[in-house]
Amino acid sequence: MNRDTRKVKIKAFRFNKETDYLPYTKEYEMEVGKDDLVLDLMNRIKWEHDGSFSYRRSCRHGICGACGIKVNGKPVLACKQNAIELLDLFDNDITLEPQSKQRAVKDMIIDKGDFWDKHAAVTPYVVADVDPHPETESKQSIAEFNAMLDSDLCIQCGSCHYACPALEVNPDYLGPAALTAAYRFSIDTR
């Protein structure tokens, strides 16, 4: 171990819907460097400790949302979250968990069908009554664009959806991601 790394035990939620009756937690010992992301730890678990460990990943740039998980109950994108920051925050004791334990399919992978059903229910795209052959382009003012800018930054990772306590008590509630998508397209002036 060099001085730029820290030897820690990472706990991970483990569950396989096909073979396990109940989920369990497994510990993995590893060295974590100052630049390691949570995704690096997950890769290390899979590649160096247990090839059956399962999770989603894709872009590694925080734009696709595939790697959304919880660390000690805190929603994070594994590809954006620095591991040392979390180890400091939680006194070297972190547990990797799926976004929703109730929807776990295998380890960090969950069934997001409910999330996408609610998203589709709000018609998350522009429905415009426009001339198919316009003579001019459809323009927005800077103020109109800025009004919808923040809501357009949502990458549909599901982190807010699965952290929302209202969804736990009211399954008919659409959730923050679907409502953000509805808002974004309802204020689009085009």
N, C-alpha and C. Protein backbone atom coordinates (compact mmCIF):
# COMPACT_ATOMS: atom_id res chain seq x y z
N MET A 1 0.84 -1.18 0.00
CA MET A 1 0.00 0.00 0.00
C MET A 1 0.89 1.24 0.00
N ASN A 2 0.68 2.14 -0.95
CA ASN A 2 1.44 3.38 -0.93
C ASN A 2 0.61 4.47 -0.25
N ARG A 3 1.20 5.63 -0.04
CA ARG A 3 0.51 6.67 0.73
C ARG A 3 -0.63 7.33 -0.04
N ASP A 4 -0.74 7.07 -1.33
CA ASP A 4 -1.84 7.64 -2.11
C ASP A 4 -3.06 6.72 -2.15
N THR A 5 -2.98 5.58 -1.47
CA THR A 5 -4.11 4.66 -1.44
C THR A 5 -4.50 4.36 0.00
N ARG A 6 -5.68 3.82 0.13
CA ARG A 6 -6.20 3.44 1.44
C ARG A 6 -6.77 2.04 1.33
N LYS A 7 -6.37 1.15 2.24
CA LYS A 7 -6.89 -0.22 2.24
C LYS A 7 -8.21 -0.23 3.02
N VAL A 8 -9.28 -0.66 2.36
CA VAL A 8 -10.60 -0.65 3.00
C VAL A 8 -11.37 -1.91 2.64
N LYS A 9 -12.44 -2.13 3.37
CA LYS A 9 -13.38 -3.20 3.05
C LYS A 9 -14.64 -2.55 2.51
N ILE A 10 -15.00 -2.93 1.30
CA ILE A 10 -16.21 -2.42 0.66
C ILE A 10 -17.28 -3.49 0.79
N LYS A 11 -18.44 -3.10 1.30
CA LYS A 11 -19.56 -4.04 1.39
C LYS A 11 -20.45 -3.84 0.18
N ALA A 12 -20.96 -4.94 -0.34
CA ALA A 12 -21.85 -4.87 -1.51
C ALA A 12 -23.09 -5.72 -1.29
N PHE A 13 -24.22 -5.15 -1.63
CA PHE A 13 -25.50 -5.87 -1.62
C PHE A 13 -25.41 -6.95 -2.69
N ARG A 14 -25.76 -8.16 -2.34
CA ARG A 14 -25.74 -9.26 -3.31
C ARG A 14 -27.11 -9.94 -3.33
N PHE A 15 -27.60 -10.21 -4.51
CA PHE A 15 -28.88 -10.90 -4.66
C PHE A 15 -29.02 -11.34 -6.10
N ASN A 16 -29.49 -12.57 -6.28
CA ASN A 16 -29.82 -13.08 -7.61
C ASN A 16 -31.25 -13.59 -7.53
N LYS A 17 -32.14 -12.92 -8.23
CA LYS A 17 -33.57 -13.25 -8.21
C LYS A 17 -33.82 -14.72 -8.57
N GLU A 18 -32.96 -15.28 -9.40
CA GLU A 18 -33.14 -16.66 -9.87
C GLU A 18 -32.74 -17.70 -8.83
N THR A 19 -31.81 -17.36 -7.93
CA THR A 19 -31.29 -18.38 -7.01
C THR A 19 -31.37 -18.05 -5.53
N ASP A 20 -31.50 -16.78 -5.18
CA ASP A 20 -31.47 -16.39 -3.77
C ASP A 20 -32.86 -16.10 -3.23
N TYR A 21 -33.12 -16.60 -2.03
CA TYR A 21 -34.39 -16.31 -1.36
C TYR A 21 -34.33 -14.92 -0.73
N LEU A 22 -33.20 -14.59 -0.14
CA LEU A 22 -33.00 -13.30 0.51
C LEU A 22 -31.68 -12.67 0.06
N PRO A 23 -31.62 -11.34 0.05
CA PRO A 23 -30.35 -10.68 -0.26
C PRO A 23 -29.37 -10.82 0.90
N TYR A 24 -28.10 -10.60 0.61
CA TYR A 24 -27.06 -10.64 1.64
C TYR A 24 -26.00 -9.62 1.28
N THR A 25 -25.11 -9.35 2.21
CA THR A 25 -24.01 -8.41 1.99
C THR A 25 -22.70 -9.18 2.02
N LYS A 26 -21.82 -8.83 1.08
CA LYS A 26 -20.50 -9.47 1.02
C LYS A 26 -19.43 -8.37 1.08
N GLU A 27 -18.32 -8.66 1.76
CA GLU A 27 -17.22 -7.70 1.89
C GLU A 27 -16.10 -8.02 0.93
N TYR A 28 -15.50 -6.94 0.40
CA TYR A 28 -14.36 -7.06 -0.51
C TYR A 28 -13.28 -6.11 -0.02
N GLU A 29 -12.08 -6.64 0.19
CA GLU A 29 -10.97 -5.80 0.65
C GLU A 29 -10.18 -5.33 -0.56
N MET A 30 -9.87 -4.05 -0.58
CA MET A 30 -9.13 -3.49 -1.71
C MET A 30 -8.47 -2.19 -1.33
N GLU A 31 -7.55 -1.77 -2.17
CA GLU A 31 -6.92 -0.47 -2.00
C GLU A 31 -7.66 0.52 -2.89
N VAL A 32 -7.93 1.68 -2.32
CA VAL A 32 -8.66 2.72 -3.04
C VAL A 32 -7.77 3.94 -3.14
N GLY A 33 -7.59 4.41 -4.37
CA GLY A 33 -6.77 5.59 -4.62
C GLY A 33 -7.59 6.87 -4.63
N LYS A 34 -6.89 7.99 -4.54
CA LYS A 34 -7.56 9.29 -4.45
C LYS A 34 -8.39 9.63 -5.69
N ASP A 35 -8.08 9.04 -6.82
CA ASP A 35 -8.81 9.33 -8.05
C ASP A 35 -9.82 8.25 -8.42
N ASP A 36 -9.94 7.22 -7.59
CA ASP A 36 -10.87 6.13 -7.90
C ASP A 36 -12.32 6.60 -7.76
N LEU A 37 -13.12 6.19 -8.72
CA LEU A 37 -14.55 6.44 -8.67
C LEU A 37 -15.24 5.19 -8.12
N VAL A 38 -16.48 5.34 -7.71
CA VAL A 38 -17.23 4.18 -7.22
C VAL A 38 -17.29 3.11 -8.32
N LEU A 39 -17.40 3.52 -9.57
CA LEU A 39 -17.42 2.55 -10.67
C LEU A 39 -16.11 1.75 -10.72
N ASP A 40 -14.99 2.38 -10.41
CA ASP A 40 -13.72 1.66 -10.36
C ASP A 40 -13.76 0.56 -9.30
N LEU A 41 -14.37 0.85 -8.16
CA LEU A 41 -14.49 -0.16 -7.11
C LEU A 41 -15.37 -1.32 -7.57
N MET A 42 -16.46 -1.00 -8.25
CA MET A 42 -17.35 -2.05 -8.75
C MET A 42 -16.63 -2.90 -9.80
N ASN A 43 -15.89 -2.25 -10.68
CA ASN A 43 -15.10 -3.00 -11.68
C ASN A 43 -14.09 -3.91 -10.99
N ARG A 44 -13.44 -3.39 -9.96
CA ARG A 44 -12.44 -4.17 -9.23
C ARG A 44 -13.08 -5.38 -8.55
N ILE A 45 -14.27 -5.19 -7.98
CA ILE A 45 -14.96 -6.33 -7.36
C ILE A 45 -15.21 -7.40 -8.42
N LYS A 46 -15.72 -6.99 -9.58
CA LYS A 46 -16.05 -7.95 -10.64
C LYS A 46 -14.79 -8.59 -11.24
N TRP A 47 -13.78 -7.80 -11.54
CA TRP A 47 -12.62 -8.29 -12.28
C TRP A 47 -11.57 -8.96 -11.40
N GLU A 48 -11.50 -8.59 -10.12
CA GLU A 48 -10.45 -9.13 -9.26
C GLU A 48 -10.96 -10.03 -8.13
N HIS A 49 -12.23 -9.94 -7.79
CA HIS A 49 -12.75 -10.69 -6.64
C HIS A 49 -13.84 -11.69 -6.99
N ASP A 50 -14.84 -11.25 -7.76
CA ASP A 50 -16.01 -12.10 -8.00
C ASP A 50 -16.64 -11.75 -9.34
N GLY A 51 -16.36 -12.58 -10.33
CA GLY A 51 -16.85 -12.34 -11.68
C GLY A 51 -18.36 -12.37 -11.82
N SER A 52 -19.07 -12.85 -10.80
CA SER A 52 -20.53 -12.89 -10.88
C SER A 52 -21.18 -11.59 -10.43
N PHE A 53 -20.40 -10.66 -9.86
CA PHE A 53 -20.94 -9.38 -9.40
C PHE A 53 -21.50 -8.62 -10.60
N SER A 54 -22.75 -8.18 -10.51
CA SER A 54 -23.43 -7.59 -11.67
C SER A 54 -23.90 -6.16 -11.41
N TYR A 55 -23.74 -5.33 -12.43
CA TYR A 55 -24.14 -3.92 -12.37
C TYR A 55 -24.22 -3.41 -13.80
N ARG A 56 -24.85 -2.24 -13.96
CA ARG A 56 -24.91 -1.63 -15.28
C ARG A 56 -23.88 -0.51 -15.35
N ARG A 57 -23.30 -0.36 -16.54
CA ARG A 57 -22.38 0.74 -16.81
C ARG A 57 -22.37 0.95 -18.32
N SER A 58 -22.03 2.16 -18.73
CA SER A 58 -21.98 2.40 -20.17
C SER A 58 -21.02 3.53 -20.51
N CYS A 59 -21.43 4.77 -20.29
CA CYS A 59 -20.68 5.91 -20.84
C CYS A 59 -19.44 6.30 -20.05
N ARG A 60 -19.45 6.12 -18.76
CA ARG A 60 -18.38 6.53 -17.85
C ARG A 60 -18.18 8.06 -17.83
N HIS A 61 -19.20 8.79 -18.24
CA HIS A 61 -19.10 10.25 -18.28
C HIS A 61 -20.29 10.95 -17.63
N GLY A 62 -21.18 10.20 -16.98
CA GLY A 62 -22.31 10.81 -16.30
C GLY A 62 -23.40 11.32 -17.22
N ILE A 63 -23.50 10.76 -18.43
CA ILE A 63 -24.54 11.23 -19.34
C ILE A 63 -25.59 10.18 -19.68
N CYS A 64 -25.37 8.93 -19.30
CA CYS A 64 -26.35 7.89 -19.67
C CYS A 64 -27.20 7.44 -18.49
N GLY A 65 -26.70 7.54 -17.27
CA GLY A 65 -27.46 7.16 -16.08
C GLY A 65 -27.49 5.68 -15.78
N ALA A 66 -26.82 4.85 -16.57
CA ALA A 66 -26.88 3.40 -16.38
C ALA A 66 -26.32 2.96 -15.03
N CYS A 67 -25.32 3.66 -14.51
CA CYS A 67 -24.62 3.21 -13.30
C CYS A 67 -25.19 3.77 -12.01
N GLY A 68 -26.41 4.27 -12.03
CA GLY A 68 -27.02 4.80 -10.82
C GLY A 68 -27.17 3.72 -9.76
N ILE A 69 -26.63 3.98 -8.57
CA ILE A 69 -26.76 3.06 -7.43
C ILE A 69 -26.92 3.92 -6.17
N LYS A 70 -26.96 3.27 -5.02
CA LYS A 70 -26.92 3.98 -3.74
C LYS A 70 -25.68 3.52 -2.99
N VAL A 71 -25.05 4.46 -2.30
CA VAL A 71 -23.95 4.15 -1.41
C VAL A 71 -24.38 4.60 -0.02
N ASN A 72 -24.54 3.64 0.88
CA ASN A 72 -25.07 3.92 2.22
C ASN A 72 -26.38 4.70 2.14
N GLY A 73 -27.22 4.36 1.17
CA GLY A 73 -28.51 5.01 1.01
C GLY A 73 -28.48 6.30 0.23
N LYS A 74 -27.30 6.78 -0.14
CA LYS A 74 -27.15 8.04 -0.89
C LYS A 74 -27.12 7.74 -2.38
N PRO A 75 -28.08 8.28 -3.15
CA PRO A 75 -28.07 8.04 -4.60
C PRO A 75 -26.85 8.68 -5.26
N VAL A 76 -26.16 7.91 -6.10
CA VAL A 76 -24.99 8.42 -6.81
C VAL A 76 -24.94 7.82 -8.22
N LEU A 77 -24.24 8.50 -9.10
CA LEU A 77 -23.83 7.90 -10.36
C LEU A 77 -22.43 7.35 -10.09
N ALA A 78 -22.27 6.06 -10.21
CA ALA A 78 -21.00 5.42 -9.87
C ALA A 78 -19.84 5.97 -10.70
N CYS A 79 -20.12 6.41 -11.93
CA CYS A 79 -19.04 6.90 -12.80
C CYS A 79 -18.64 8.34 -12.49
N LYS A 80 -19.38 9.02 -11.63
CA LYS A 80 -19.05 10.42 -11.30
C LYS A 80 -18.61 10.61 -9.85
N GLN A 81 -18.96 9.66 -8.99
CA GLN A 81 -18.71 9.83 -7.56
C GLN A 81 -17.33 9.34 -7.14
N ASN A 82 -16.54 10.24 -6.56
CA ASN A 82 -15.22 9.88 -6.06
C ASN A 82 -15.37 8.98 -4.83
N ALA A 83 -14.67 7.87 -4.82
CA ALA A 83 -14.79 6.88 -3.75
C ALA A 83 -14.21 7.38 -2.43
N ILE A 84 -13.08 8.07 -2.48
CA ILE A 84 -12.44 8.56 -1.25
C ILE A 84 -13.36 9.57 -0.54
N GLU A 85 -14.05 10.41 -1.31
CA GLU A 85 -14.99 11.36 -0.69
C GLU A 85 -16.04 10.63 0.13
N LEU A 86 -16.57 9.53 -0.42
CA LEU A 86 -17.57 8.76 0.31
C LEU A 86 -16.96 8.03 1.50
N LEU A 87 -15.76 7.51 1.33
CA LEU A 87 -15.09 6.85 2.45
C LEU A 87 -14.85 7.84 3.58
N ASP A 88 -14.48 9.07 3.25
CA ASP A 88 -14.30 10.10 4.27
C ASP A 88 -15.64 10.45 4.93
N LEU A 89 -16.67 10.60 4.12
CA LEU A 89 -18.00 10.97 4.61
C LEU A 89 -18.56 9.91 5.56
N PHE A 90 -18.33 8.65 5.22
CA PHE A 90 -18.91 7.55 6.00
C PHE A 90 -17.86 6.80 6.85
N ASP A 91 -16.79 7.47 7.23
CA ASP A 91 -15.77 6.87 8.11
C ASP A 91 -15.27 5.51 7.64
N ASN A 92 -14.88 5.44 6.38
CA ASN A 92 -14.32 4.22 5.76
C ASN A 92 -15.28 3.03 5.76
N ASP A 93 -16.57 3.28 5.91
CA ASP A 93 -17.56 2.20 5.96
C ASP A 93 -18.63 2.46 4.90
N ILE A 94 -18.47 1.85 3.72
CA ILE A 94 -19.49 2.06 2.69
C ILE A 94 -20.06 0.73 2.20
N THR A 95 -21.34 0.81 1.88
CA THR A 95 -22.06 -0.34 1.32
C THR A 95 -22.66 0.08 -0.01
N LEU A 96 -22.36 -0.68 -1.05
CA LEU A 96 -22.93 -0.45 -2.37
C LEU A 96 -24.27 -1.17 -2.44
N GLU A 97 -25.31 -0.44 -2.88
CA GLU A 97 -26.66 -1.00 -2.94
C GLU A 97 -27.30 -0.63 -4.27
N PRO A 98 -28.28 -1.40 -4.71
CA PRO A 98 -29.02 -1.01 -5.92
C PRO A 98 -29.91 0.19 -5.61
N GLN A 99 -30.39 0.85 -6.65
CA GLN A 99 -31.28 1.99 -6.45
C GLN A 99 -32.53 1.60 -5.67
N SER A 100 -33.01 0.38 -5.88
CA SER A 100 -34.20 -0.11 -5.18
C SER A 100 -33.99 -1.58 -4.83
N LYS A 101 -33.94 -1.89 -3.55
CA LYS A 101 -33.77 -3.28 -3.14
C LYS A 101 -35.00 -4.11 -3.50
N GLN A 102 -36.19 -3.49 -3.49
CA GLN A 102 -37.41 -4.21 -3.81
C GLN A 102 -37.47 -4.64 -5.28
N ARG A 103 -36.76 -3.94 -6.14
CA ARG A 103 -36.80 -4.24 -7.58
C ARG A 103 -35.52 -4.92 -8.06
N ALA A 104 -34.70 -5.38 -7.12
CA ALA A 104 -33.42 -6.00 -7.47
C ALA A 104 -33.62 -7.26 -8.30
N VAL A 105 -32.86 -7.35 -9.38
CA VAL A 105 -32.86 -8.54 -10.23
C VAL A 105 -31.58 -9.33 -9.96
N LYS A 106 -30.44 -8.62 -10.02
CA LYS A 106 -29.16 -9.25 -9.71
C LYS A 106 -28.18 -8.17 -9.24
N ASP A 107 -27.81 -8.26 -7.99
CA ASP A 107 -26.88 -7.32 -7.38
C ASP A 107 -27.33 -5.88 -7.58
N MET A 108 -26.59 -5.07 -8.34
CA MET A 108 -26.95 -3.67 -8.53
C MET A 108 -27.97 -3.45 -9.65
N ILE A 109 -28.31 -4.49 -10.37
CA ILE A 109 -29.25 -4.37 -11.49
C ILE A 109 -30.68 -4.48 -10.98
N ILE A 110 -31.50 -3.51 -11.36
CA ILE A 110 -32.91 -3.54 -10.96
C ILE A 110 -33.81 -3.52 -12.19
N ASP A 111 -35.05 -3.91 -11.98
CA ASP A 111 -36.07 -3.82 -13.02
C ASP A 111 -36.62 -2.40 -12.97
N LYS A 112 -36.37 -1.61 -14.01
CA LYS A 112 -36.81 -0.22 -14.05
C LYS A 112 -38.12 -0.05 -14.82
N GLY A 113 -38.87 -1.11 -15.00
CA GLY A 113 -40.12 -1.04 -15.75
C GLY A 113 -41.07 0.01 -15.21
N ASP A 114 -41.20 0.11 -13.89
CA ASP A 114 -42.10 1.11 -13.31
C ASP A 114 -41.64 2.52 -13.63
N PHE A 115 -40.35 2.75 -13.60
CA PHE A 115 -39.79 4.06 -13.92
C PHE A 115 -40.12 4.45 -15.36
N TRP A 116 -39.89 3.56 -16.31
CA TRP A 116 -40.14 3.87 -17.72
C TRP A 116 -41.63 3.96 -18.02
N ASP A 117 -42.47 3.18 -17.34
CA ASP A 117 -43.92 3.28 -17.53
C ASP A 117 -44.42 4.66 -17.10
N LYS A 118 -43.94 5.16 -15.98
CA LYS A 118 -44.35 6.48 -15.51
C LYS A 118 -43.81 7.58 -16.43
N HIS A 119 -42.63 7.38 -16.93
CA HIS A 119 -42.04 8.34 -17.87
C HIS A 119 -42.87 8.41 -19.15
N ALA A 120 -43.24 7.26 -19.68
CA ALA A 120 -44.04 7.22 -20.92
C ALA A 120 -45.43 7.80 -20.71
N ALA A 121 -45.96 7.71 -19.49
CA ALA A 121 -47.32 8.19 -19.20
C ALA A 121 -47.46 9.70 -19.35
N VAL A 122 -46.37 10.44 -19.31
CA VAL A 122 -46.45 11.90 -19.41
C VAL A 122 -46.19 12.42 -20.82
N THR A 123 -46.07 11.55 -21.80
CA THR A 123 -45.77 11.93 -23.18
C THR A 123 -44.55 12.86 -23.21
N PRO A 124 -43.37 12.31 -22.90
CA PRO A 124 -42.18 13.14 -22.75
C PRO A 124 -41.50 13.53 -24.06
N TYR A 125 -42.24 14.19 -24.90
CA TYR A 125 -41.69 14.70 -26.14
C TYR A 125 -42.61 15.81 -26.63
N VAL A 126 -42.12 16.62 -27.53
CA VAL A 126 -42.92 17.73 -28.05
C VAL A 126 -43.97 17.20 -29.01
N VAL A 127 -45.21 17.58 -28.76
CA VAL A 127 -46.30 17.28 -29.68
C VAL A 127 -46.74 18.63 -30.23
N ALA A 128 -46.36 18.90 -31.43
CA ALA A 128 -46.61 20.22 -32.00
C ALA A 128 -47.52 20.12 -33.22
N ASP A 129 -48.41 21.10 -33.31
CA ASP A 129 -49.28 21.20 -34.48
C ASP A 129 -48.60 22.20 -35.41
N VAL A 130 -47.74 21.68 -36.27
CA VAL A 130 -46.94 22.55 -37.11
C VAL A 130 -47.10 22.20 -38.58
N ASP A 131 -46.79 23.14 -39.37
CA ASP A 131 -46.78 22.95 -40.81
C ASP A 131 -45.62 22.03 -41.17
N PRO A 132 -45.87 20.92 -41.87
CA PRO A 132 -44.77 20.01 -42.21
C PRO A 132 -43.75 20.63 -43.17
N HIS A 133 -44.12 21.73 -43.80
CA HIS A 133 -43.21 22.43 -44.71
C HIS A 133 -43.16 23.91 -44.33
N PRO A 134 -42.57 24.23 -43.19
CA PRO A 134 -42.57 25.63 -42.74
C PRO A 134 -41.69 26.50 -43.62
N GLU A 135 -42.07 27.75 -43.70
CA GLU A 135 -41.27 28.71 -44.46
C GLU A 135 -40.17 29.33 -43.60
N THR A 136 -40.35 29.28 -42.27
CA THR A 136 -39.34 29.80 -41.36
C THR A 136 -39.09 28.77 -40.26
N GLU A 137 -37.97 28.91 -39.60
CA GLU A 137 -37.67 27.98 -38.51
C GLU A 137 -38.39 28.42 -37.24
N SER A 138 -38.57 27.47 -36.34
CA SER A 138 -39.20 27.73 -35.05
C SER A 138 -38.12 28.21 -34.09
N LYS A 139 -38.24 29.44 -33.63
CA LYS A 139 -37.20 30.01 -32.78
C LYS A 139 -37.70 30.20 -31.35
N GLN A 140 -36.74 30.19 -30.44
CA GLN A 140 -37.00 30.47 -29.04
C GLN A 140 -36.15 31.65 -28.62
N SER A 141 -36.70 32.43 -27.70
CA SER A 141 -35.88 33.51 -27.13
C SER A 141 -34.92 32.89 -26.12
N ILE A 142 -33.92 33.65 -25.75
CA ILE A 142 -32.97 33.17 -24.74
C ILE A 142 -33.70 32.92 -23.42
N ALA A 143 -34.64 33.79 -23.07
CA ALA A 143 -35.41 33.62 -21.82
C ALA A 143 -36.24 32.34 -21.87
N GLU A 144 -36.86 32.06 -23.02
CA GLU A 144 -37.66 30.83 -23.15
C GLU A 144 -36.76 29.59 -23.03
N PHE A 145 -35.61 29.66 -23.65
CA PHE A 145 -34.66 28.55 -23.56
C PHE A 145 -34.18 28.35 -22.12
N ASN A 146 -33.81 29.45 -21.46
CA ASN A 146 -33.30 29.36 -20.09
C ASN A 146 -34.35 28.83 -19.12
N ALA A 147 -35.63 29.11 -19.38
CA ALA A 147 -36.71 28.65 -18.49
C ALA A 147 -36.78 27.13 -18.44
N MET A 148 -36.40 26.47 -19.50
CA MET A 148 -36.49 25.00 -19.51
C MET A 148 -35.13 24.32 -19.38
N LEU A 149 -34.07 25.09 -19.27
CA LEU A 149 -32.72 24.53 -19.29
C LEU A 149 -32.47 23.52 -18.17
N ASP A 150 -32.75 23.88 -16.93
CA ASP A 150 -32.46 22.96 -15.82
C ASP A 150 -33.21 21.65 -15.96
N SER A 151 -34.48 21.72 -16.36
CA SER A 151 -35.26 20.48 -16.48
C SER A 151 -34.77 19.63 -17.65
N ASP A 152 -34.06 20.22 -18.58
CA ASP A 152 -33.55 19.47 -19.73
C ASP A 152 -32.25 18.74 -19.40
N LEU A 153 -31.68 18.98 -18.23
CA LEU A 153 -30.43 18.34 -17.84
C LEU A 153 -30.63 16.94 -17.27
N CYS A 154 -31.87 16.55 -17.02
CA CYS A 154 -32.16 15.22 -16.46
C CYS A 154 -31.71 14.14 -17.44
N ILE A 155 -30.94 13.15 -16.94
CA ILE A 155 -30.44 12.07 -17.81
C ILE A 155 -31.23 10.77 -17.62
N GLN A 156 -32.35 10.83 -16.91
CA GLN A 156 -33.22 9.67 -16.70
C GLN A 156 -32.48 8.50 -16.04
N CYS A 157 -31.68 8.80 -15.04
CA CYS A 157 -30.93 7.74 -14.34
C CYS A 157 -31.80 7.01 -13.32
N GLY A 158 -32.87 7.64 -12.87
CA GLY A 158 -33.77 7.02 -11.90
C GLY A 158 -33.40 7.29 -10.46
N SER A 159 -32.31 7.99 -10.20
CA SER A 159 -31.88 8.21 -8.82
C SER A 159 -32.93 8.95 -7.99
N CYS A 160 -33.50 10.02 -8.54
CA CYS A 160 -34.51 10.76 -7.78
C CYS A 160 -35.78 9.93 -7.61
N HIS A 161 -36.13 9.17 -8.64
CA HIS A 161 -37.33 8.33 -8.62
C HIS A 161 -37.26 7.31 -7.49
N TYR A 162 -36.16 6.59 -7.41
CA TYR A 162 -36.05 5.52 -6.41
C TYR A 162 -35.70 6.03 -5.02
N ALA A 163 -35.35 7.31 -4.90
CA ALA A 163 -35.11 7.91 -3.58
C ALA A 163 -36.35 8.64 -3.07
N CYS A 164 -37.38 8.74 -3.88
CA CYS A 164 -38.57 9.53 -3.55
C CYS A 164 -39.47 8.78 -2.55
N PRO A 165 -39.64 9.32 -1.35
CA PRO A 165 -40.48 8.63 -0.36
C PRO A 165 -41.96 8.60 -0.74
N ALA A 166 -42.41 9.56 -1.54
CA ALA A 166 -43.82 9.58 -1.94
C ALA A 166 -44.19 8.35 -2.77
N LEU A 167 -43.25 7.85 -3.57
CA LEU A 167 -43.52 6.66 -4.38
C LEU A 167 -43.67 5.41 -3.53
N GLU A 168 -43.05 5.40 -2.36
CA GLU A 168 -43.17 4.25 -1.46
C GLU A 168 -44.58 4.12 -0.92
N VAL A 169 -45.25 5.24 -0.68
CA VAL A 169 -46.60 5.20 -0.09
C VAL A 169 -47.71 5.37 -1.12
N ASN A 170 -47.38 5.88 -2.29
CA ASN A 170 -48.40 6.07 -3.33
C ASN A 170 -47.85 5.63 -4.68
N PRO A 171 -48.09 4.37 -5.05
CA PRO A 171 -47.54 3.86 -6.32
C PRO A 171 -48.13 4.54 -7.56
N ASP A 172 -49.23 5.29 -7.40
CA ASP A 172 -49.82 6.00 -8.53
C ASP A 172 -49.13 7.34 -8.80
N TYR A 173 -48.36 7.82 -7.85
CA TYR A 173 -47.62 9.06 -8.02
C TYR A 173 -46.61 8.87 -9.16
N LEU A 174 -46.53 9.83 -10.06
CA LEU A 174 -45.65 9.70 -11.23
C LEU A 174 -44.17 9.76 -10.88
N GLY A 175 -43.83 10.51 -9.88
CA GLY A 175 -42.42 10.60 -9.48
C GLY A 175 -41.73 11.82 -10.07
N PRO A 176 -40.61 12.22 -9.46
CA PRO A 176 -39.93 13.45 -9.86
C PRO A 176 -39.37 13.43 -11.28
N ALA A 177 -38.87 12.32 -11.75
CA ALA A 177 -38.28 12.29 -13.10
C ALA A 177 -39.36 12.46 -14.17
N ALA A 178 -40.48 11.76 -14.02
CA ALA A 178 -41.57 11.87 -15.00
C ALA A 178 -42.16 13.28 -14.97
N LEU A 179 -42.33 13.85 -13.79
CA LEU A 179 -42.88 15.20 -13.69
C LEU A 179 -41.91 16.24 -14.24
N THR A 180 -40.63 16.02 -14.08
CA THR A 180 -39.63 16.92 -14.67
C THR A 180 -39.69 16.86 -16.19
N ALA A 181 -39.84 15.65 -16.74
CA ALA A 181 -39.97 15.51 -18.20
C ALA A 181 -41.24 16.19 -18.70
N ALA A 182 -42.34 16.01 -17.97
CA ALA A 182 -43.60 16.65 -18.37
C ALA A 182 -43.45 18.17 -18.34
N TYR A 183 -42.84 18.70 -17.29
CA TYR A 183 -42.62 20.13 -17.17
C TYR A 183 -41.76 20.65 -18.31
N ARG A 184 -40.67 19.95 -18.60
CA ARG A 184 -39.74 20.39 -19.64
C ARG A 184 -40.45 20.56 -20.97
N PHE A 185 -41.31 19.61 -21.32
CA PHE A 185 -41.98 19.70 -22.61
C PHE A 185 -43.23 20.58 -22.58
N SER A 186 -43.81 20.78 -21.41
CA SER A 186 -44.98 21.66 -21.33
C SER A 186 -44.59 23.13 -21.48
N ILE A 187 -43.35 23.48 -21.10
CA ILE A 187 -42.93 24.88 -21.24
C ILE A 187 -42.14 25.14 -22.53
N ASP A 188 -41.97 24.12 -23.34
CA ASP A 188 -41.25 24.30 -24.61
C ASP A 188 -42.14 25.11 -25.55
N THR A 189 -41.67 26.27 -25.92
CA THR A 189 -42.48 27.18 -26.74
C THR A 189 -42.50 26.83 -28.22
N ARG A 190 -41.72 25.84 -28.59
CA ARG A 190 -41.71 25.50 -30.01
C ARG A 190 -42.95 24.73 -30.35
